Amino acid sequence: MQVHLAVQDDDMWYVITDGPMKILKANTAVAISDGALHRVEKPREEWTAEDKKKANLDNVAKDILYKTLDKVTFSKIKMCKTAKEIWEKLIQLWEGNERTKENKLSVAVQKFDNIKMKVGESMHEYDESNGIINELNSLGKVYSNKEVAMKLVRGLPKE
């Protein structure tokens, strides 16, 4: 998702993570005493075409997110005002809180520990059925290629 949004505009991912872009201008009414330029929100009537494009990124991001959701999920986020709020709600819905993540990780590690090739299963099916590795990676538990290979070999039947 991050790459898809970044392709639309370089600042799109920041709209998702930080919220709508604020269009600012230098504050000429404040003297620069500490060497830092002070900024204030730019009045809408002073916006350039580029400013309007940047200000609209939140709407574009919301549209992209809406188009990826099914009706049930959409009904759970439709009250969110910004793309950032939508993203945070989706994370909460799909990943859960820290306790839920810990439980998911625990279950995934247990599945990984119990990997065994089933009777009559081909090597291709055995390899394909182990999507647990991807699940573990997404939950932050990364095994080295050697560890994964050794686990898969140990899961093969003796014959």
N, C-alpha and C. Protein backbone atom coordinates (compact mmCIF):
# COMPACT_ATOMS: atom_id res chain seq x y z
N MET A 1 0.83 -1.19 0.00
CA MET A 1 0.00 0.00 0.00
C MET A 1 0.87 1.25 0.00
N GLN A 2 1.96 1.23 0.78
CA GLN A 2 2.82 2.41 0.88
C GLN A 2 3.39 2.78 -0.48
N VAL A 3 3.82 1.79 -1.24
CA VAL A 3 4.39 2.05 -2.56
C VAL A 3 3.32 2.60 -3.50
N HIS A 4 2.13 1.99 -3.46
CA HIS A 4 1.05 2.46 -4.33
C HIS A 4 0.72 3.93 -4.06
N LEU A 5 0.66 4.30 -2.79
CA LEU A 5 0.36 5.69 -2.45
C LEU A 5 1.51 6.62 -2.84
N ALA A 6 2.74 6.17 -2.64
CA ALA A 6 3.89 7.01 -2.98
C ALA A 6 3.98 7.25 -4.49
N VAL A 7 3.53 6.30 -5.28
CA VAL A 7 3.54 6.46 -6.73
C VAL A 7 2.59 7.59 -7.14
N GLN A 8 1.51 7.74 -6.40
CA GLN A 8 0.54 8.80 -6.70
C GLN A 8 1.15 10.18 -6.47
N ASP A 9 1.88 10.31 -5.35
CA ASP A 9 2.53 11.58 -4.98
C ASP A 9 3.55 11.27 -3.89
N ASP A 10 4.70 11.92 -3.95
CA ASP A 10 5.75 11.66 -2.97
C ASP A 10 5.29 11.91 -1.53
N ASP A 11 4.38 12.83 -1.34
CA ASP A 11 3.92 13.18 0.01
C ASP A 11 2.72 12.37 0.48
N MET A 12 2.21 11.49 -0.36
CA MET A 12 0.97 10.78 -0.03
C MET A 12 1.11 9.95 1.24
N TRP A 13 2.22 9.22 1.41
CA TRP A 13 2.37 8.39 2.60
C TRP A 13 2.41 9.23 3.86
N TYR A 14 2.98 10.44 3.77
CA TYR A 14 3.03 11.32 4.93
C TYR A 14 1.63 11.79 5.32
N VAL A 15 0.76 11.92 4.35
CA VAL A 15 -0.63 12.28 4.64
C VAL A 15 -1.29 11.16 5.44
N ILE A 16 -0.96 9.92 5.09
CA ILE A 16 -1.52 8.76 5.80
C ILE A 16 -0.97 8.69 7.22
N THR A 17 0.33 8.92 7.39
CA THR A 17 0.95 8.75 8.71
C THR A 17 0.88 9.99 9.59
N ASP A 18 0.88 11.18 8.98
CA ASP A 18 0.94 12.42 9.76
C ASP A 18 -0.33 13.25 9.72
N GLY A 19 -1.22 12.97 8.79
CA GLY A 19 -2.45 13.74 8.66
C GLY A 19 -2.40 14.69 7.48
N PRO A 20 -3.50 15.40 7.23
CA PRO A 20 -3.58 16.30 6.08
C PRO A 20 -2.46 17.34 6.10
N MET A 21 -2.01 17.70 4.91
CA MET A 21 -0.93 18.69 4.81
C MET A 21 -1.48 20.08 5.11
N LYS A 22 -0.72 20.82 5.86
CA LYS A 22 -1.07 22.21 6.13
C LYS A 22 -0.29 23.08 5.15
N ILE A 23 -0.96 24.01 4.55
CA ILE A 23 -0.33 24.91 3.60
C ILE A 23 0.14 26.13 4.39
N LEU A 24 1.45 26.29 4.46
CA LEU A 24 2.04 27.34 5.29
C LEU A 24 2.79 28.36 4.45
N LYS A 25 3.03 29.51 5.06
CA LYS A 25 3.85 30.56 4.44
C LYS A 25 4.68 31.20 5.54
N ALA A 26 5.73 31.89 5.14
CA ALA A 26 6.58 32.58 6.11
C ALA A 26 5.77 33.67 6.80
N ASN A 27 5.98 33.80 8.11
CA ASN A 27 5.30 34.83 8.88
C ASN A 27 6.20 36.06 8.90
N THR A 28 5.87 37.02 8.08
CA THR A 28 6.70 38.22 7.98
C THR A 28 6.43 39.19 9.12
N ALA A 29 5.37 38.97 9.88
CA ALA A 29 5.03 39.86 10.99
C ALA A 29 5.89 39.60 12.22
N VAL A 30 6.55 38.44 12.27
CA VAL A 30 7.37 38.08 13.43
C VAL A 30 8.83 38.24 13.04
N ALA A 31 9.57 38.94 13.86
CA ALA A 31 10.99 39.13 13.61
C ALA A 31 11.72 37.80 13.83
N ILE A 32 12.70 37.54 13.00
CA ILE A 32 13.49 36.33 13.12
C ILE A 32 14.60 36.59 14.14
N SER A 33 14.36 36.16 15.37
CA SER A 33 15.33 36.43 16.43
C SER A 33 16.26 35.26 16.67
N ASP A 34 15.76 34.05 16.55
CA ASP A 34 16.59 32.89 16.81
C ASP A 34 17.13 32.27 15.53
N GLY A 35 16.96 32.91 14.42
CA GLY A 35 17.44 32.40 13.14
C GLY A 35 16.47 31.46 12.46
N ALA A 36 15.41 31.07 13.14
CA ALA A 36 14.43 30.16 12.56
C ALA A 36 13.30 30.95 11.91
N LEU A 37 12.88 30.48 10.77
CA LEU A 37 11.79 31.11 10.05
C LEU A 37 10.47 30.64 10.68
N HIS A 38 9.62 31.57 11.03
CA HIS A 38 8.32 31.24 11.61
C HIS A 38 7.31 31.12 10.49
N ARG A 39 6.45 30.11 10.60
CA ARG A 39 5.46 29.88 9.55
C ARG A 39 4.05 29.95 10.13
N VAL A 40 3.13 30.40 9.29
CA VAL A 40 1.71 30.45 9.64
C VAL A 40 0.92 29.83 8.50
N GLU A 41 -0.31 29.46 8.80
CA GLU A 41 -1.14 28.89 7.75
C GLU A 41 -1.44 29.93 6.68
N LYS A 42 -1.30 29.52 5.45
CA LYS A 42 -1.52 30.41 4.31
C LYS A 42 -3.02 30.53 4.04
N PRO A 43 -3.55 31.74 3.89
CA PRO A 43 -4.98 31.89 3.58
C PRO A 43 -5.32 31.20 2.25
N ARG A 44 -6.50 30.60 2.20
CA ARG A 44 -6.92 29.83 1.02
C ARG A 44 -6.87 30.67 -0.26
N GLU A 45 -7.18 31.94 -0.18
CA GLU A 45 -7.18 32.77 -1.38
C GLU A 45 -5.77 33.01 -1.94
N GLU A 46 -4.74 32.68 -1.17
CA GLU A 46 -3.36 32.83 -1.63
C GLU A 46 -2.76 31.52 -2.15
N TRP A 47 -3.53 30.46 -2.10
CA TRP A 47 -3.01 29.16 -2.52
C TRP A 47 -2.69 29.14 -4.00
N THR A 48 -1.58 28.52 -4.34
CA THR A 48 -1.21 28.29 -5.73
C THR A 48 -1.82 26.95 -6.16
N ALA A 49 -1.68 26.62 -7.43
CA ALA A 49 -2.18 25.33 -7.94
C ALA A 49 -1.48 24.18 -7.20
N GLU A 50 -0.19 24.33 -6.93
CA GLU A 50 0.56 23.29 -6.21
C GLU A 50 0.05 23.16 -4.77
N ASP A 51 -0.25 24.30 -4.14
CA ASP A 51 -0.80 24.28 -2.78
C ASP A 51 -2.13 23.51 -2.75
N LYS A 52 -2.98 23.78 -3.73
CA LYS A 52 -4.28 23.11 -3.81
C LYS A 52 -4.11 21.60 -3.99
N LYS A 53 -3.14 21.23 -4.81
CA LYS A 53 -2.87 19.82 -5.05
C LYS A 53 -2.42 19.14 -3.75
N LYS A 54 -1.54 19.79 -3.01
CA LYS A 54 -1.04 19.23 -1.75
C LYS A 54 -2.16 19.16 -0.70
N ALA A 55 -3.00 20.19 -0.66
CA ALA A 55 -4.10 20.22 0.31
C ALA A 55 -5.13 19.13 0.01
N ASN A 56 -5.23 18.72 -1.25
CA ASN A 56 -6.20 17.71 -1.67
C ASN A 56 -5.68 16.28 -1.49
N LEU A 57 -4.42 16.11 -1.13
CA LEU A 57 -3.85 14.77 -1.00
C LEU A 57 -4.61 13.90 0.00
N ASP A 58 -5.14 14.49 1.05
CA ASP A 58 -5.90 13.72 2.02
C ASP A 58 -7.14 13.11 1.36
N ASN A 59 -7.82 13.88 0.52
CA ASN A 59 -8.99 13.36 -0.18
C ASN A 59 -8.61 12.24 -1.15
N VAL A 60 -7.49 12.41 -1.83
CA VAL A 60 -7.02 11.38 -2.77
C VAL A 60 -6.68 10.10 -2.00
N ALA A 61 -5.99 10.26 -0.88
CA ALA A 61 -5.63 9.09 -0.06
C ALA A 61 -6.89 8.39 0.47
N LYS A 62 -7.86 9.15 0.93
CA LYS A 62 -9.11 8.55 1.41
C LYS A 62 -9.79 7.77 0.28
N ASP A 63 -9.81 8.34 -0.91
CA ASP A 63 -10.43 7.68 -2.06
C ASP A 63 -9.74 6.35 -2.36
N ILE A 64 -8.42 6.35 -2.34
CA ILE A 64 -7.67 5.12 -2.60
C ILE A 64 -7.98 4.08 -1.53
N LEU A 65 -7.98 4.50 -0.28
CA LEU A 65 -8.29 3.56 0.80
C LEU A 65 -9.71 3.03 0.69
N TYR A 66 -10.68 3.89 0.39
CA TYR A 66 -12.07 3.46 0.26
C TYR A 66 -12.20 2.38 -0.81
N LYS A 67 -11.50 2.57 -1.92
CA LYS A 67 -11.62 1.64 -3.05
C LYS A 67 -11.04 0.26 -2.76
N THR A 68 -10.23 0.14 -1.71
CA THR A 68 -9.63 -1.15 -1.39
C THR A 68 -10.44 -1.94 -0.37
N LEU A 69 -11.51 -1.35 0.15
CA LEU A 69 -12.24 -1.97 1.25
C LEU A 69 -13.54 -2.63 0.80
N ASP A 70 -13.88 -3.71 1.48
CA ASP A 70 -15.18 -4.33 1.25
C ASP A 70 -16.23 -3.53 2.02
N LYS A 71 -17.50 -3.84 1.79
CA LYS A 71 -18.60 -3.07 2.40
C LYS A 71 -18.59 -3.14 3.93
N VAL A 72 -18.25 -4.29 4.47
CA VAL A 72 -18.26 -4.46 5.93
C VAL A 72 -17.18 -3.59 6.57
N THR A 73 -15.98 -3.64 6.01
CA THR A 73 -14.89 -2.83 6.55
C THR A 73 -15.16 -1.35 6.34
N PHE A 74 -15.68 -1.00 5.16
CA PHE A 74 -16.01 0.40 4.89
C PHE A 74 -16.98 0.95 5.92
N SER A 75 -17.96 0.14 6.30
CA SER A 75 -18.95 0.61 7.28
C SER A 75 -18.30 0.92 8.63
N LYS A 76 -17.15 0.30 8.91
CA LYS A 76 -16.47 0.53 10.18
C LYS A 76 -15.58 1.77 10.17
N ILE A 77 -15.25 2.28 8.99
CA ILE A 77 -14.34 3.44 8.92
C ILE A 77 -14.99 4.67 8.29
N LYS A 78 -16.22 4.53 7.85
CA LYS A 78 -16.83 5.63 7.09
C LYS A 78 -16.97 6.93 7.88
N MET A 79 -16.95 6.88 9.20
CA MET A 79 -17.07 8.09 10.01
C MET A 79 -15.73 8.80 10.21
N CYS A 80 -14.64 8.18 9.79
CA CYS A 80 -13.32 8.80 9.95
C CYS A 80 -13.22 10.03 9.04
N LYS A 81 -12.62 11.08 9.56
CA LYS A 81 -12.54 12.35 8.84
C LYS A 81 -11.33 12.46 7.92
N THR A 82 -10.20 11.83 8.30
CA THR A 82 -8.97 11.96 7.52
C THR A 82 -8.44 10.59 7.13
N ALA A 83 -7.54 10.58 6.15
CA ALA A 83 -6.90 9.34 5.73
C ALA A 83 -6.10 8.74 6.89
N LYS A 84 -5.50 9.59 7.70
CA LYS A 84 -4.75 9.10 8.86
C LYS A 84 -5.68 8.37 9.82
N GLU A 85 -6.85 8.93 10.10
CA GLU A 85 -7.81 8.27 10.99
C GLU A 85 -8.24 6.93 10.41
N ILE A 86 -8.48 6.89 9.10
CA ILE A 86 -8.87 5.64 8.44
C ILE A 86 -7.77 4.60 8.62
N TRP A 87 -6.52 5.01 8.34
CA TRP A 87 -5.39 4.09 8.42
C TRP A 87 -5.24 3.54 9.84
N GLU A 88 -5.35 4.41 10.82
CA GLU A 88 -5.22 3.97 12.22
C GLU A 88 -6.35 3.01 12.60
N LYS A 89 -7.54 3.27 12.11
CA LYS A 89 -8.68 2.38 12.38
C LYS A 89 -8.47 1.02 11.71
N LEU A 90 -7.96 1.03 10.47
CA LEU A 90 -7.70 -0.22 9.77
C LEU A 90 -6.63 -1.04 10.49
N ILE A 91 -5.60 -0.37 10.97
CA ILE A 91 -4.56 -1.08 11.73
C ILE A 91 -5.18 -1.72 12.96
N GLN A 92 -6.01 -0.97 13.64
CA GLN A 92 -6.68 -1.49 14.84
C GLN A 92 -7.56 -2.69 14.50
N LEU A 93 -8.30 -2.59 13.39
CA LEU A 93 -9.20 -3.67 12.99
C LEU A 93 -8.44 -4.93 12.57
N TRP A 94 -7.38 -4.76 11.79
CA TRP A 94 -6.69 -5.91 11.22
C TRP A 94 -5.59 -6.45 12.12
N GLU A 95 -4.88 -5.58 12.79
CA GLU A 95 -3.78 -6.06 13.62
C GLU A 95 -4.16 -6.18 15.08
N GLY A 96 -5.08 -5.37 15.52
CA GLY A 96 -5.49 -5.41 16.92
C GLY A 96 -4.54 -4.63 17.80
N ASN A 97 -4.80 -4.69 19.09
CA ASN A 97 -3.93 -4.00 20.04
C ASN A 97 -2.71 -4.86 20.34
N GLU A 98 -1.86 -4.43 21.23
CA GLU A 98 -0.61 -5.16 21.54
C GLU A 98 -0.89 -6.57 22.05
N ARG A 99 -1.91 -6.71 22.87
CA ARG A 99 -2.24 -8.04 23.41
C ARG A 99 -2.66 -8.99 22.30
N THR A 100 -3.47 -8.47 21.36
CA THR A 100 -3.91 -9.29 20.23
C THR A 100 -2.72 -9.70 19.38
N LYS A 101 -1.80 -8.75 19.14
CA LYS A 101 -0.61 -9.05 18.35
C LYS A 101 0.23 -10.13 19.02
N GLU A 102 0.39 -10.03 20.34
CA GLU A 102 1.15 -11.04 21.07
C GLU A 102 0.50 -12.41 20.94
N ASN A 103 -0.83 -12.46 21.03
CA ASN A 103 -1.55 -13.72 20.88
C ASN A 103 -1.37 -14.30 19.48
N LYS A 104 -1.49 -13.43 18.47
CA LYS A 104 -1.30 -13.88 17.08
C LYS A 104 0.11 -14.42 16.88
N LEU A 105 1.09 -13.74 17.44
CA LEU A 105 2.47 -14.18 17.32
C LEU A 105 2.67 -15.52 18.00
N SER A 106 2.10 -15.67 19.17
CA SER A 106 2.22 -16.93 19.91
C SER A 106 1.63 -18.09 19.11
N VAL A 107 0.46 -17.88 18.54
CA VAL A 107 -0.20 -18.92 17.74
C VAL A 107 0.63 -19.23 16.50
N ALA A 108 1.15 -18.19 15.84
CA ALA A 108 1.95 -18.40 14.63
C ALA A 108 3.24 -19.16 14.93
N VAL A 109 3.90 -18.84 16.03
CA VAL A 109 5.12 -19.55 16.42
C VAL A 109 4.79 -21.02 16.69
N GLN A 110 3.67 -21.26 17.34
CA GLN A 110 3.26 -22.63 17.62
C GLN A 110 2.99 -23.39 16.32
N LYS A 111 2.34 -22.74 15.36
CA LYS A 111 2.10 -23.37 14.05
C LYS A 111 3.43 -23.70 13.37
N PHE A 112 4.36 -22.75 13.44
CA PHE A 112 5.68 -22.96 12.83
C PHE A 112 6.38 -24.15 13.47
N ASP A 113 6.31 -24.22 14.79
CA ASP A 113 6.95 -25.32 15.51
C ASP A 113 6.34 -26.68 15.16
N ASN A 114 5.08 -26.68 14.75
CA ASN A 114 4.37 -27.94 14.48
C ASN A 114 4.27 -28.27 12.99
N ILE A 115 5.04 -27.61 12.14
CA ILE A 115 5.00 -27.88 10.70
C ILE A 115 5.44 -29.32 10.44
N LYS A 116 4.59 -30.06 9.76
CA LYS A 116 4.89 -31.43 9.35
C LYS A 116 4.23 -31.66 7.99
N MET A 117 4.91 -32.42 7.15
CA MET A 117 4.35 -32.78 5.85
C MET A 117 3.28 -33.85 6.06
N LYS A 118 2.14 -33.64 5.43
CA LYS A 118 1.03 -34.59 5.56
C LYS A 118 1.21 -35.77 4.61
N VAL A 119 0.62 -36.89 4.96
CA VAL A 119 0.68 -38.08 4.12
C VAL A 119 0.01 -37.77 2.78
N GLY A 120 0.68 -38.09 1.69
CA GLY A 120 0.14 -37.87 0.35
C GLY A 120 0.35 -36.46 -0.18
N GLU A 121 0.93 -35.59 0.61
CA GLU A 121 1.16 -34.20 0.19
C GLU A 121 2.43 -34.14 -0.66
N SER A 122 2.37 -33.42 -1.78
CA SER A 122 3.55 -33.26 -2.62
C SER A 122 4.48 -32.21 -2.01
N MET A 123 5.72 -32.19 -2.48
CA MET A 123 6.68 -31.20 -1.98
C MET A 123 6.18 -29.78 -2.29
N HIS A 124 5.59 -29.62 -3.46
CA HIS A 124 5.08 -28.29 -3.85
C HIS A 124 3.96 -27.86 -2.89
N GLU A 125 3.04 -28.77 -2.59
CA GLU A 125 1.94 -28.45 -1.67
C GLU A 125 2.48 -28.16 -0.28
N TYR A 126 3.46 -28.94 0.15
CA TYR A 126 4.07 -28.75 1.47
C TYR A 126 4.70 -27.36 1.56
N ASP A 127 5.43 -27.00 0.53
CA ASP A 127 6.10 -25.69 0.51
C ASP A 127 5.08 -24.56 0.47
N GLU A 128 4.03 -24.71 -0.34
CA GLU A 128 3.00 -23.68 -0.48
C GLU A 128 2.17 -23.51 0.79
N SER A 129 1.97 -24.60 1.52
CA SER A 129 1.11 -24.53 2.70
C SER A 129 1.78 -23.80 3.86
N ASN A 130 3.03 -23.52 3.74
CA ASN A 130 3.75 -22.90 4.85
C ASN A 130 3.76 -21.37 4.75
N GLY A 131 2.59 -20.80 4.54
CA GLY A 131 2.44 -19.34 4.55
C GLY A 131 2.67 -18.78 5.95
N ILE A 132 2.86 -19.66 6.90
CA ILE A 132 3.10 -19.24 8.28
C ILE A 132 4.36 -18.39 8.37
N ILE A 133 5.33 -18.63 7.50
CA ILE A 133 6.57 -17.85 7.51
C ILE A 133 6.27 -16.39 7.22
N ASN A 134 5.41 -16.14 6.23
CA ASN A 134 5.02 -14.76 5.91
C ASN A 134 4.25 -14.12 7.06
N GLU A 135 3.39 -14.91 7.68
CA GLU A 135 2.63 -14.39 8.82
C GLU A 135 3.56 -14.00 9.96
N LEU A 136 4.55 -14.84 10.23
CA LEU A 136 5.52 -14.54 11.29
C LEU A 136 6.30 -13.27 10.96
N ASN A 137 6.71 -13.14 9.71
CA ASN A 137 7.44 -11.94 9.30
C ASN A 137 6.59 -10.69 9.50
N SER A 138 5.32 -10.76 9.14
CA SER A 138 4.44 -9.59 9.29
C SER A 138 4.19 -9.25 10.75
N LEU A 139 4.35 -10.24 11.63
CA LEU A 139 4.17 -10.00 13.07
C LEU A 139 5.48 -9.62 13.75
N GLY A 140 6.55 -9.52 12.96
CA GLY A 140 7.83 -9.07 13.52
C GLY A 140 8.77 -10.18 13.94
N LYS A 141 8.40 -11.42 13.74
CA LYS A 141 9.25 -12.56 14.09
C LYS A 141 9.91 -13.06 12.80
N VAL A 142 11.21 -12.84 12.68
CA VAL A 142 11.91 -13.20 11.46
C VAL A 142 12.89 -14.33 11.75
N TYR A 143 12.74 -15.40 11.00
CA TYR A 143 13.67 -16.52 11.08
C TYR A 143 14.64 -16.42 9.91
N SER A 144 15.87 -16.86 10.11
CA SER A 144 16.84 -16.85 9.02
C SER A 144 16.45 -17.92 8.01
N ASN A 145 16.96 -17.81 6.79
CA ASN A 145 16.69 -18.82 5.77
C ASN A 145 17.13 -20.20 6.24
N LYS A 146 18.24 -20.25 6.95
CA LYS A 146 18.76 -21.52 7.45
C LYS A 146 17.77 -22.14 8.46
N GLU A 147 17.24 -21.32 9.37
CA GLU A 147 16.29 -21.82 10.36
C GLU A 147 15.02 -22.35 9.69
N VAL A 148 14.54 -21.63 8.68
CA VAL A 148 13.33 -22.05 7.98
C VAL A 148 13.60 -23.36 7.23
N ALA A 149 14.73 -23.41 6.52
CA ALA A 149 15.07 -24.62 5.77
C ALA A 149 15.20 -25.83 6.69
N MET A 150 15.86 -25.65 7.81
CA MET A 150 16.03 -26.75 8.76
C MET A 150 14.67 -27.20 9.31
N LYS A 151 13.81 -26.29 9.61
CA LYS A 151 12.48 -26.63 10.14
C LYS A 151 11.69 -27.40 9.09
N LEU A 152 11.73 -26.93 7.83
CA LEU A 152 11.01 -27.62 6.77
C LEU A 152 11.56 -29.02 6.53
N VAL A 153 12.88 -29.17 6.58
CA VAL A 153 13.50 -30.50 6.40
C VAL A 153 13.09 -31.42 7.56
N ARG A 154 13.08 -30.90 8.78
CA ARG A 154 12.67 -31.71 9.95
C ARG A 154 11.21 -32.12 9.87
N GLY A 155 10.41 -31.37 9.12
CA GLY A 155 8.99 -31.67 8.99
C GLY A 155 8.68 -32.72 7.94
N LEU A 156 9.72 -33.13 7.20
CA LEU A 156 9.52 -34.15 6.17
C LEU A 156 9.42 -35.53 6.81
N PRO A 157 8.61 -36.42 6.23
CA PRO A 157 8.53 -37.79 6.77
C PRO A 157 9.85 -38.53 6.48
N LYS A 158 10.15 -39.50 7.28
CA LYS A 158 11.42 -40.23 7.16
C LYS A 158 11.56 -40.92 5.81
N GLU A 159 10.45 -41.42 5.31
CA GLU A 159 10.51 -42.12 4.03
C GLU A 159 10.64 -41.15 2.89
